[in-house]
Amino acid sequence: MTIRDYAFKLNYNNLKQNNQERTFVGNLGLTKEQILLKDLKVIADEYLELEKIKRAFTRAILKNYKDLDFSRFTKFPRYYIKENYIKKRVSSANIRGLNVVSVDGSSISKKFMDVDFSFLKAIAVQYYFKENHIARIKYFPDLNGFNNYFVQANFINRDENSIDAKISLDMNYIEINLLNDMIERNSSIDLIILDGSIVIMPINLLFSKDPEISKKYDTLLKAYQRLYSNCKEHGIILIGSIKDTRTSALTNLLCDSIQLLKPTYSKLSDFIKLNYREVVKYLSDISLFNRLLIKSERSCIFNCKTEIDKIRDTGIKKEIPYYFPLSFYAFYLKTAKYDTPCRIEFFMDEKHSIENASKKADLISSIILPISSLNDNYGLPIPQIEAHKRAVFKKNEIDILFNNLIRNLHLNGISLLEKRRNRRPF
């Protein structure tokens, strides 16, 4: 069966329709036997067909690698891929003498009928590398890397989404503020790894109907601006390392770029046969570049977080350009043989050259590789893993904190009533 046959056999529109029909046919569901004997097999067969097409798309990219030259487009401001190649090989640096910091936080909350309580914790970890795989580890602000807690109570009657947004903003602010304090006390840091994006999201919270959330968001924007300024002043590289993401931003940019190259049956015909514009709907960036990259390779860099540009253009928040006179980039880096690539984000001054952005991506990759490739199955930077281990709440911590709170209330004759879904008698 040819590649074209694959695309022909699998009708994408019918696939969507079949999924809906399988889920919503009639008023009754299916028996367990029907699911086991028919539907699960059908779904597995559909997925296998999709997998064949994804592999064919990957082969088409690798086969036509040299013809996928985007150099004529990269100079345009609204063309977001900023390198001529899809991927490149990078080398590991000797990181002896480097100070690498990572920060992470976690939160736990319990929601009762009349009040909500939440505990938050954030820890920064600093690795001073004596050799590539030998480091001295310090923690901030707690020397042991365990005790940096915050407690909050919400007494105002709010919907759950607002409460969750407030906790998320507070957690984010604690982490960023912790980094700012650490930098201002110790300017010898070379690289900072944020667990997640380096740009605050989602931007729509800036216009929340809840004035407290909108105010917190604006305060957080200023904390980020302070972090960017501190990093620029002290020559610190700030990156965001994102473990898992379902975004398909670069995949869609790649698809648009292929379309700009005007593939025909005499040029890039493999993409025409595949109906590539439909194939990409089933691929995330991680999924695609896990197939394209081998260990020690990175993708091209591309502009990310363009939502900030949209807000700049509206003029609604005129101070945002002063918060972020920067350009944000991302790329995917394969650090371990059997793990998926990491999404890495970084920023540049607005008045920069693309060549410098490309060199910075290479530099970041060369530092991240030796501290992320010790395990073939898990490719996150070691400082990021350590920060997460220290920050995450353990069950015994949760029990101690909440039991102590409830005991203090009981001493004064107050009992908290949990929500009905958490106190079922059966």
Protein backbone atom coordinates (compact mmCIF):
# COMPACT_ATOMS: atom_id res chain seq x y z
CA MET A 1 0.00 0.00 0.00
CA THR A 2 1.41 3.41 -0.96
CA ILE A 3 1.52 6.55 1.14
CA ARG A 4 -1.24 7.97 -1.00
CA ASP A 5 -3.35 4.90 -0.24
CA TYR A 6 -2.97 5.57 3.47
CA ALA A 7 -4.31 9.08 3.11
CA PHE A 8 -7.10 7.81 0.88
CA LYS A 9 -8.09 4.95 3.14
CA LEU A 10 -8.39 7.13 6.19
CA ASN A 11 -10.97 9.85 5.62
CA TYR A 12 -10.30 12.44 8.31
CA ASN A 13 -13.79 13.92 8.28
CA ASN A 14 -15.36 10.48 8.54
CA LEU A 15 -13.01 9.67 11.40
CA LYS A 16 -14.31 12.63 13.42
CA GLN A 17 -17.90 11.76 12.55
CA ASN A 18 -17.45 8.11 13.51
CA ASN A 19 -16.05 9.12 16.90
CA GLN A 20 -19.07 11.31 17.59
CA GLU A 21 -21.50 8.64 16.45
CA ARG A 22 -19.78 6.02 18.57
CA THR A 23 -20.13 8.25 21.62
CA PHE A 24 -23.61 9.68 21.18
CA VAL A 25 -25.68 7.13 19.20
CA GLY A 26 -29.16 6.80 20.71
CA ASN A 27 -30.08 7.34 24.32
CA LEU A 28 -28.42 4.21 25.67
CA GLY A 29 -24.82 3.14 25.91
CA LEU A 30 -23.24 -0.10 24.82
CA THR A 31 -22.75 -3.31 26.74
CA LYS A 32 -19.34 -4.19 28.07
CA GLU A 33 -19.19 -7.07 25.56
CA GLN A 34 -19.88 -4.69 22.64
CA ILE A 35 -17.11 -2.39 23.79
CA LEU A 36 -14.63 -5.25 24.26
CA LEU A 37 -15.44 -7.16 21.06
CA LYS A 38 -16.00 -4.31 18.63
CA ASP A 39 -15.48 -0.68 19.58
CA LEU A 40 -12.06 -0.99 21.23
CA LYS A 41 -10.76 -2.91 18.21
CA VAL A 42 -12.14 -0.27 15.83
CA ILE A 43 -10.52 2.54 17.82
CA ALA A 44 -7.20 0.67 17.93
CA ASP A 45 -7.33 0.08 14.15
CA GLU A 46 -8.05 3.78 13.52
CA TYR A 47 -5.14 4.77 15.73
CA LEU A 48 -2.83 2.34 13.93
CA GLU A 49 -3.79 3.90 10.58
CA LEU A 50 -3.10 7.36 11.98
CA GLU A 51 0.26 6.17 13.27
CA LYS A 52 1.20 4.97 9.76
CA ILE A 53 0.37 8.38 8.32
CA LYS A 54 2.30 10.20 11.06
CA ARG A 55 5.33 8.05 10.31
CA ALA A 56 4.95 8.71 6.59
CA PHE A 57 4.79 12.47 7.28
CA THR A 58 7.97 12.21 9.37
CA ARG A 59 9.73 10.30 6.58
CA ALA A 60 8.61 12.94 4.07
CA ILE A 61 10.16 15.71 6.17
CA LEU A 62 13.43 13.86 6.63
CA LYS A 63 13.56 12.89 2.94
CA ASN A 64 12.94 16.49 1.76
CA TYR A 65 15.02 18.04 4.52
CA LYS A 66 17.33 20.03 2.25
CA ASP A 67 14.47 21.40 0.14
CA LEU A 68 12.65 22.77 3.19
CA ASP A 69 14.56 26.05 3.12
CA PHE A 70 12.69 28.93 4.75
CA SER A 71 15.45 31.53 4.38
CA ARG A 72 13.36 33.75 2.08
CA PHE A 73 10.68 34.10 4.78
CA THR A 74 12.65 34.47 8.04
CA LYS A 75 13.23 38.19 7.55
CA PHE A 76 9.48 38.92 7.73
CA PRO A 77 8.33 39.98 11.24
CA ARG A 78 5.15 37.89 11.09
CA TYR A 79 6.95 34.76 9.97
CA TYR A 80 7.67 33.11 13.31
CA ILE A 81 10.18 30.38 12.37
CA LYS A 82 13.51 32.15 12.70
CA GLU A 83 16.07 29.66 11.36
CA ASN A 84 16.51 28.18 7.90
CA TYR A 85 16.64 24.57 9.07
CA ILE A 86 14.12 22.35 10.86
CA LYS A 87 16.69 20.79 13.16
CA LYS A 88 20.39 20.83 13.94
CA ARG A 89 22.87 18.93 16.06
CA VAL A 90 24.27 20.62 19.17
CA SER A 91 27.21 19.67 21.37
CA SER A 92 27.58 19.49 25.15
CA ALA A 93 29.61 22.17 26.89
CA ASN A 94 32.06 21.75 29.75
CA ILE A 95 29.95 23.19 32.57
CA ARG A 96 32.68 23.16 35.20
CA GLY A 97 32.34 26.26 37.39
CA LEU A 98 28.77 27.11 36.36
CA ASN A 99 26.06 28.02 38.87
CA VAL A 100 22.66 26.69 37.75
CA VAL A 101 19.50 27.51 39.68
CA SER A 102 16.03 26.03 39.40
CA VAL A 103 12.87 26.93 41.29
CA ASP A 104 9.61 25.08 41.74
CA GLY A 105 6.56 25.29 43.93
CA SER A 106 3.42 23.38 44.76
CA SER A 107 0.10 24.04 46.44
CA ILE A 108 -2.57 22.02 48.17
CA SER A 109 -6.03 23.29 49.05
CA LYS A 110 -9.16 22.04 50.78
CA LYS A 111 -12.53 23.52 50.05
CA PHE A 112 -15.23 23.47 52.71
CA MET A 113 -18.79 24.75 52.57
CA ASP A 114 -17.99 28.23 53.92
CA VAL A 115 -14.23 28.64 53.64
CA ASP A 116 -11.23 27.50 51.62
CA PHE A 117 -7.73 26.88 52.96
CA SER A 118 -4.57 26.48 50.92
CA PHE A 119 -0.93 25.81 51.70
CA LEU A 120 1.82 26.78 49.28
CA LYS A 121 5.52 25.94 49.18
CA ALA A 122 8.40 27.10 46.98
CA ILE A 123 12.07 26.12 46.93
CA ALA A 124 15.04 27.23 44.84
CA VAL A 125 17.96 24.87 44.36
CA GLN A 126 21.44 25.93 43.23
CA TYR A 127 23.95 23.57 41.64
CA TYR A 128 27.58 24.66 41.52
CA PHE A 129 29.21 22.23 39.09
CA LYS A 130 32.74 21.25 40.09
CA GLU A 131 32.75 18.84 37.16
CA ASN A 132 30.08 17.97 34.58
CA HIS A 133 28.53 15.37 36.88
CA ILE A 134 29.77 16.54 40.28
CA ALA A 135 28.06 19.47 41.99
CA ARG A 136 27.70 21.24 45.31
CA ILE A 137 24.02 21.80 46.10
CA LYS A 138 22.50 24.67 48.08
CA TYR A 139 18.89 25.60 48.77
CA PHE A 140 17.14 28.94 49.16
CA PRO A 141 15.67 30.32 51.37
CA ASP A 142 15.65 27.20 53.56
CA LEU A 143 19.09 25.61 53.92
CA ASN A 144 17.62 22.10 53.96
CA GLY A 145 15.35 22.69 50.98
CA PHE A 146 12.07 21.74 52.65
CA ASN A 147 10.61 24.60 54.69
CA ASN A 148 9.30 27.62 52.85
CA TYR A 149 5.54 27.48 53.46
CA PHE A 150 2.68 29.92 53.03
CA VAL A 151 -0.88 29.53 54.25
CA GLN A 152 -3.99 31.28 52.95
CA ALA A 153 -7.66 31.35 53.83
CA ASN A 154 -10.43 32.51 51.54
CA PHE A 155 -13.46 33.70 53.50
CA ILE A 156 -15.19 35.49 50.61
CA ASN A 157 -17.80 33.48 48.75
CA ARG A 158 -16.24 33.00 45.29
CA ASP A 159 -16.72 30.47 42.54
CA GLU A 160 -14.16 27.68 42.39
CA ASN A 161 -12.54 28.91 39.18
CA SER A 162 -11.73 32.26 40.80
CA ILE A 163 -10.29 30.54 43.86
CA ASP A 164 -8.10 28.29 41.71
CA ALA A 165 -6.93 31.27 39.63
CA LYS A 166 -6.03 33.18 42.80
CA ILE A 167 -4.03 30.27 44.20
CA SER A 168 -2.23 29.81 40.87
CA LEU A 169 -1.29 33.51 40.70
CA ASP A 170 -0.05 33.48 44.29
CA MET A 171 1.99 30.35 43.66
CA ASN A 172 3.53 31.87 40.55
CA TYR A 173 4.34 35.12 42.37
CA ILE A 174 6.04 33.26 45.25
CA GLU A 175 8.33 31.43 42.82
CA ILE A 176 9.26 34.53 40.81
CA ASN A 177 9.73 36.67 43.92
CA LEU A 178 11.94 33.95 45.42
CA LEU A 179 14.19 34.10 42.34
CA ASN A 180 14.36 37.89 42.46
CA ASP A 181 15.43 37.82 46.11
CA MET A 182 17.99 35.13 45.38
CA ILE A 183 19.52 37.05 42.46
CA GLU A 184 19.70 40.29 44.43
CA ARG A 185 21.54 38.48 47.25
CA ASN A 186 23.77 36.38 45.00
CA SER A 187 24.68 37.67 41.55
CA SER A 188 27.01 34.76 40.69
CA ILE A 189 24.23 32.74 39.02
CA ASP A 190 24.84 31.75 35.40
CA LEU A 191 21.59 30.02 34.39
CA ILE A 192 18.08 29.91 35.86
CA ILE A 193 15.61 27.16 34.95
CA LEU A 194 11.93 27.88 35.50
CA ASP A 195 9.69 24.84 35.68
CA GLY A 196 7.29 25.90 32.94
CA SER A 197 7.00 28.91 30.69
CA ILE A 198 9.05 32.07 31.22
CA VAL A 199 6.01 34.18 30.29
CA ILE A 200 3.03 34.52 32.56
CA MET A 201 -0.10 32.82 31.20
CA PRO A 202 -2.97 32.97 30.53
CA ILE A 203 -2.95 36.64 29.59
CA ASN A 204 -6.78 36.91 29.70
CA LEU A 205 -6.64 37.00 33.52
CA LEU A 206 -5.37 40.56 33.18
CA PHE A 207 -8.94 41.53 32.30
CA SER A 208 -10.69 39.41 34.94
CA LYS A 209 -14.00 40.66 36.31
CA ASP A 210 -12.69 39.89 39.78
CA PRO A 211 -10.73 43.04 40.78
CA GLU A 212 -8.51 41.11 43.20
CA ILE A 213 -7.41 38.69 40.49
CA SER A 214 -6.77 41.53 38.05
CA LYS A 215 -4.70 43.32 40.68
CA LYS A 216 -2.72 40.18 41.54
CA TYR A 217 -2.06 39.60 37.85
CA ASP A 218 -0.70 43.11 37.41
CA THR A 219 1.54 42.62 40.45
CA LEU A 220 2.79 39.36 38.96
CA LEU A 221 3.58 41.08 35.65
CA LYS A 222 5.78 43.53 37.54
CA ALA A 223 7.54 40.65 39.34
CA TYR A 224 8.31 39.06 35.96
CA GLN A 225 9.56 42.39 34.64
CA ARG A 226 11.83 42.65 37.70
CA LEU A 227 13.12 39.13 37.02
CA TYR A 228 13.93 39.92 33.38
CA SER A 229 15.71 43.13 34.43
CA ASN A 230 17.71 41.32 37.12
CA CYS A 231 18.79 38.64 34.64
CA LYS A 232 19.83 41.22 32.05
CA GLU A 233 21.71 43.30 34.64
CA HIS A 234 23.66 40.33 36.03
CA GLY A 235 24.18 38.48 32.75
CA ILE A 236 22.02 35.52 33.78
CA ILE A 237 20.42 33.27 31.17
CA LEU A 238 16.77 32.66 32.05
CA ILE A 239 15.00 29.71 30.47
CA GLY A 240 11.70 27.93 30.86
CA SER A 241 11.82 24.13 30.70
CA ILE A 242 8.40 22.66 29.96
CA LYS A 243 7.99 18.96 30.69
CA ASP A 244 4.77 18.19 28.83
CA THR A 245 2.81 20.31 26.39
CA ARG A 246 0.07 19.61 23.87
CA THR A 247 0.72 22.76 21.86
CA SER A 248 1.11 22.38 18.12
CA ALA A 249 2.41 25.89 17.41
CA LEU A 250 5.64 24.86 15.66
CA THR A 251 3.91 22.00 13.82
CA ASN A 252 1.36 24.44 12.39
CA LEU A 253 4.12 26.90 11.50
CA LEU A 254 5.92 24.10 9.69
CA CYS A 255 2.75 23.19 7.80
CA ASP A 256 2.22 26.83 6.78
CA SER A 257 5.84 27.02 5.66
CA ILE A 258 5.50 23.96 3.44
CA GLN A 259 2.45 25.59 1.91
CA LEU A 260 4.44 28.77 1.25
CA LEU A 261 6.99 26.69 -0.64
CA LYS A 262 4.15 25.69 -3.01
CA PRO A 263 4.75 21.93 -3.18
CA THR A 264 3.81 20.34 -6.51
CA TYR A 265 4.10 16.87 -8.01
CA SER A 266 7.51 17.86 -9.34
CA LYS A 267 8.67 19.34 -6.03
CA LEU A 268 7.93 18.18 -2.48
CA SER A 269 5.36 15.80 -3.96
CA ASP A 270 5.49 13.54 -0.88
CA PHE A 271 3.57 16.17 1.08
CA ILE A 272 0.89 16.47 -1.60
CA LYS A 273 0.37 12.69 -1.59
CA LEU A 274 -0.04 12.74 2.19
CA ASN A 275 -2.52 15.61 2.35
CA TYR A 276 -0.16 17.13 4.93
CA ARG A 277 -2.54 19.91 5.99
CA GLU A 278 -4.85 17.27 7.44
CA VAL A 279 -2.09 15.16 8.96
CA VAL A 280 -0.80 17.97 11.19
CA LYS A 281 -4.17 18.19 12.95
CA TYR A 282 -3.27 14.94 14.67
CA LEU A 283 0.24 15.95 15.75
CA SER A 284 1.51 18.00 18.68
CA ASP A 285 4.96 19.60 18.63
CA ILE A 286 6.24 17.01 21.10
CA SER A 287 4.82 14.14 19.03
CA LEU A 288 6.30 15.38 15.76
CA PHE A 289 9.74 16.38 17.00
CA ASN A 290 10.08 13.23 19.06
CA ARG A 291 10.04 11.51 15.67
CA LEU A 292 12.29 14.03 13.92
CA LEU A 293 14.99 14.58 16.54
CA ILE A 294 17.63 12.22 17.82
CA LYS A 295 19.58 12.74 21.03
CA SER A 296 21.63 15.97 21.06
CA GLU A 297 19.53 17.62 18.35
CA ARG A 298 17.33 20.68 18.67
CA SER A 299 14.61 22.14 16.50
CA CYS A 300 14.66 25.54 14.86
CA ILE A 301 13.82 28.46 17.12
CA PHE A 302 10.48 30.20 16.70
CA ASN A 303 8.66 33.17 18.20
CA CYS A 304 6.34 32.21 21.04
CA LYS A 305 3.96 33.98 23.40
CA THR A 306 2.60 36.25 20.69
CA GLU A 307 -0.45 36.94 22.89
CA ILE A 308 1.60 39.75 24.45
CA ASP A 309 1.98 41.30 21.01
CA LYS A 310 -1.80 41.22 20.59
CA ILE A 311 -2.31 43.11 23.84
CA ARG A 312 0.34 45.61 22.83
CA ASP A 313 -1.50 46.19 19.58
CA THR A 314 -4.84 46.85 21.33
CA GLY A 315 -3.35 49.58 23.52
CA ILE A 316 -5.64 48.55 26.40
CA LYS A 317 -2.73 48.08 28.79
CA LYS A 318 -0.27 50.68 27.60
CA GLU A 319 2.35 49.77 30.21
CA ILE A 320 2.84 46.20 28.96
CA PRO A 321 5.46 47.21 26.34
CA TYR A 322 7.45 48.70 29.23
CA TYR A 323 7.11 45.45 31.20
CA PHE A 324 8.21 43.30 28.26
CA PRO A 325 10.39 45.10 25.69
CA LEU A 326 11.54 41.62 24.74
CA SER A 327 11.18 38.88 22.14
CA PHE A 328 10.37 35.37 23.36
CA TYR A 329 11.61 32.25 21.59
CA ALA A 330 11.16 28.52 21.98
CA PHE A 331 12.72 25.35 20.59
CA TYR A 332 12.61 21.62 21.27
CA LEU A 333 15.69 19.80 22.56
CA LYS A 334 16.16 16.03 22.63
CA THR A 335 18.30 15.36 25.70
CA ALA A 336 17.71 11.62 26.24
CA LYS A 337 17.56 8.73 23.80
CA TYR A 338 14.21 7.31 24.92
CA ASP A 339 12.48 10.42 26.26
CA THR A 340 10.49 13.05 24.40
CA PRO A 341 12.08 16.46 23.69
CA CYS A 342 11.88 19.28 26.21
CA ARG A 343 10.38 22.60 25.16
CA ILE A 344 12.87 25.33 26.07
CA GLU A 345 11.93 29.02 26.14
CA PHE A 346 14.19 32.07 26.40
CA PHE A 347 14.05 35.80 25.74
CA MET A 348 16.07 38.40 23.86
CA ASP A 349 16.04 42.20 23.80
CA GLU A 350 13.76 43.53 21.09
CA LYS A 351 16.75 45.13 19.35
CA HIS A 352 18.58 41.89 18.68
CA SER A 353 19.66 39.98 15.61
CA ILE A 354 18.30 36.57 14.68
CA GLU A 355 21.89 35.33 14.52
CA ASN A 356 22.33 36.19 18.22
CA ALA A 357 19.08 34.44 19.10
CA SER A 358 20.29 31.35 17.27
CA LYS A 359 23.64 31.46 19.07
CA LYS A 360 21.87 31.79 22.42
CA ALA A 361 19.74 28.71 21.64
CA ASP A 362 22.96 26.79 20.90
CA LEU A 363 24.55 27.99 24.13
CA ILE A 364 21.49 27.03 26.19
CA SER A 365 21.40 23.61 24.53
CA SER A 366 25.09 23.00 25.22
CA ILE A 367 24.52 23.69 28.96
CA ILE A 368 21.27 21.76 29.27
CA LEU A 369 22.52 18.60 27.51
CA PRO A 370 25.16 17.46 30.05
CA ILE A 371 22.81 18.00 33.03
CA SER A 372 19.84 16.27 31.39
CA SER A 373 21.27 13.17 29.76
CA LEU A 374 22.23 10.98 32.73
CA ASN A 375 19.15 8.80 32.29
CA ASP A 376 18.22 7.54 28.81
CA ASN A 377 14.53 7.43 29.77
CA TYR A 378 14.14 10.81 31.49
CA GLY A 379 15.66 13.94 30.03
CA LEU A 380 14.86 16.84 32.37
CA PRO A 381 17.69 18.94 33.86
CA ILE A 382 18.85 17.59 37.24
CA PRO A 383 18.34 20.93 39.09
CA GLN A 384 14.74 21.04 37.82
CA ILE A 385 14.11 17.49 39.07
CA GLU A 386 15.64 18.29 42.47
CA ALA A 387 13.60 21.49 42.86
CA HIS A 388 10.41 19.56 42.11
CA LYS A 389 11.26 16.81 44.60
CA ARG A 390 11.81 19.38 47.34
CA ALA A 391 8.77 21.50 46.55
CA VAL A 392 6.08 18.86 46.13
CA PHE A 393 3.83 18.28 49.14
CA LYS A 394 4.12 14.86 50.78
CA LYS A 395 1.04 13.20 52.25
CA ASN A 396 2.35 13.43 55.82
CA GLU A 397 2.93 17.18 55.38
CA ILE A 398 -0.63 17.66 54.17
CA ASP A 399 -2.04 15.66 57.09
CA ILE A 400 0.01 17.57 59.68
CA LEU A 401 -0.94 20.99 58.31
CA PHE A 402 -4.67 20.43 57.89
CA ASN A 403 -5.12 18.34 61.03
CA ASN A 404 -3.46 21.06 63.08
CA LEU A 405 -5.72 23.71 61.55
CA ILE A 406 -8.86 21.66 62.23
CA ARG A 407 -7.73 20.93 65.80
CA ASN A 408 -7.30 24.66 66.50
CA LEU A 409 -10.84 25.29 65.29
CA HIS A 410 -12.24 22.37 67.29
CA LEU A 411 -10.76 23.82 70.48
CA ASN A 412 -13.10 26.78 69.97
CA GLY A 413 -16.13 24.66 69.17
CA ILE A 414 -16.02 25.12 65.37
CA SER A 415 -16.37 22.19 63.01
CA LEU A 416 -15.73 22.56 59.29
CA LEU A 417 -18.28 20.98 57.00
CA GLU A 418 -16.70 19.43 53.94
CA LYS A 419 -18.46 19.58 50.62
CA ARG A 420 -20.96 16.81 50.04
CA ARG A 421 -18.87 15.10 47.36
CA ASN A 422 -16.07 14.56 49.93
CA ARG A 423 -18.23 13.13 52.74
CA ARG A 424 -20.27 10.40 51.09
CA PRO A 425 -21.29 7.75 53.62
CA PHE A 426 -20.98 4.99 51.02
